[in-house]
């Protein structure tokens, strides 16, 4: 899924809305939308620590995982199931 497709799919969904994500591997994951931000994160260097570039992703909350980034390249479809 491209960043533009993801932004269009979530633009009218409120923060806290429940989503089902169909992933490329066939998994269906139920999550809660935590942010409308889908931007990638550029590489950053802090003294001896390098944080690699992170691709565009949805910021979501899952039951077991807390808040995390779900990379857009792994998502096929986003379905809004509850506000």
Protein backbone atom coordinates (compact mmCIF):
# COMPACT_ATOMS: atom_id res chain seq x y z
CA UNK A 1 0.00 0.00 0.00
CA UNK A 2 1.31 3.45 -0.84
CA UNK A 3 1.40 6.35 1.58
CA UNK A 4 -1.24 8.21 -0.46
CA UNK A 5 -3.60 5.19 -0.38
CA UNK A 6 -3.15 4.86 3.38
CA UNK A 7 -3.78 8.57 4.01
CA UNK A 8 -6.96 8.39 1.92
CA UNK A 9 -8.14 5.28 3.79
CA UNK A 10 -7.66 6.80 7.27
CA UNK A 11 -8.47 10.47 6.65
CA UNK A 12 -12.05 10.23 7.98
CA UNK A 13 -11.32 7.75 10.77
CA UNK A 14 -11.00 9.35 14.22
CA UNK A 15 -7.99 8.67 16.43
CA UNK A 16 -9.04 5.71 18.57
CA UNK A 17 -11.08 4.12 15.75
CA UNK A 18 -10.73 0.36 15.36
CA UNK A 19 -9.19 -0.95 12.15
CA UNK A 20 -8.64 -4.33 10.57
CA UNK A 21 -5.47 -4.54 8.52
CA UNK A 22 -5.15 -7.23 5.86
CA UNK A 23 -1.45 -7.93 5.49
CA UNK A 24 0.41 -9.39 2.50
CA UNK A 25 1.07 -12.63 4.39
CA UNK A 26 -2.70 -13.16 4.83
CA UNK A 27 -2.88 -12.14 8.49
CA UNK A 28 -5.77 -9.97 9.62
CA UNK A 29 -4.75 -7.73 12.50
CA UNK A 30 -7.22 -5.73 14.60
CA UNK A 31 -5.69 -2.49 15.90
CA UNK A 32 -6.64 1.01 17.08
CA UNK A 33 -5.54 4.06 15.07
CA UNK A 34 -3.11 6.12 17.20
CA UNK A 35 -2.12 8.82 14.68
CA UNK A 36 -2.90 10.12 11.21
CA UNK A 37 0.85 10.49 10.60
CA UNK A 38 2.21 8.04 8.00
CA UNK A 39 5.52 9.74 7.26
CA UNK A 40 8.79 7.89 6.98
CA UNK A 41 11.57 8.73 9.45
CA UNK A 42 14.96 9.75 8.10
CA UNK A 43 18.22 8.23 9.34
CA UNK A 44 19.54 9.91 12.48
CA UNK A 45 22.96 9.69 14.10
CA UNK A 46 23.48 10.34 17.82
CA UNK A 47 27.15 10.15 18.83
CA UNK A 48 27.83 6.38 18.62
CA UNK A 49 24.22 5.37 17.86
CA UNK A 50 22.69 5.31 14.37
CA UNK A 51 18.92 4.99 13.93
CA UNK A 52 18.20 3.67 10.42
CA UNK A 53 15.66 5.13 7.99
CA UNK A 54 12.17 3.85 8.74
CA UNK A 55 9.66 3.47 5.87
CA UNK A 56 6.14 4.99 5.89
CA UNK A 57 3.90 3.32 8.46
CA UNK A 58 0.63 3.57 10.37
CA UNK A 59 0.97 4.35 14.07
CA UNK A 60 -1.42 1.96 15.81
CA UNK A 61 -2.12 0.35 19.17
CA UNK A 62 -2.47 -3.39 19.55
CA UNK A 63 -3.62 -5.40 22.54
CA UNK A 64 -0.34 -7.21 23.22
CA UNK A 65 2.13 -4.87 21.56
CA UNK A 66 1.17 -1.40 22.82
CA UNK A 67 1.77 1.44 20.35
CA UNK A 68 3.81 0.48 17.28
CA UNK A 69 4.48 1.25 13.62
CA UNK A 70 2.86 -1.03 11.04
CA UNK A 71 4.81 -0.57 7.80
CA UNK A 72 2.59 0.34 4.85
CA UNK A 73 4.42 -1.99 2.44
CA UNK A 74 3.08 -4.95 4.47
CA UNK A 75 -0.57 -3.79 4.30
CA UNK A 76 -2.95 -4.70 1.47
CA UNK A 77 -6.23 -3.23 2.82
CA UNK A 78 -7.38 -1.06 5.72
CA UNK A 79 -10.95 -1.58 6.96
CA UNK A 80 -12.63 0.72 9.51
CA UNK A 81 -14.69 -1.47 11.84
CA UNK A 82 -15.64 0.81 14.76
CA UNK A 83 -15.23 4.40 15.94
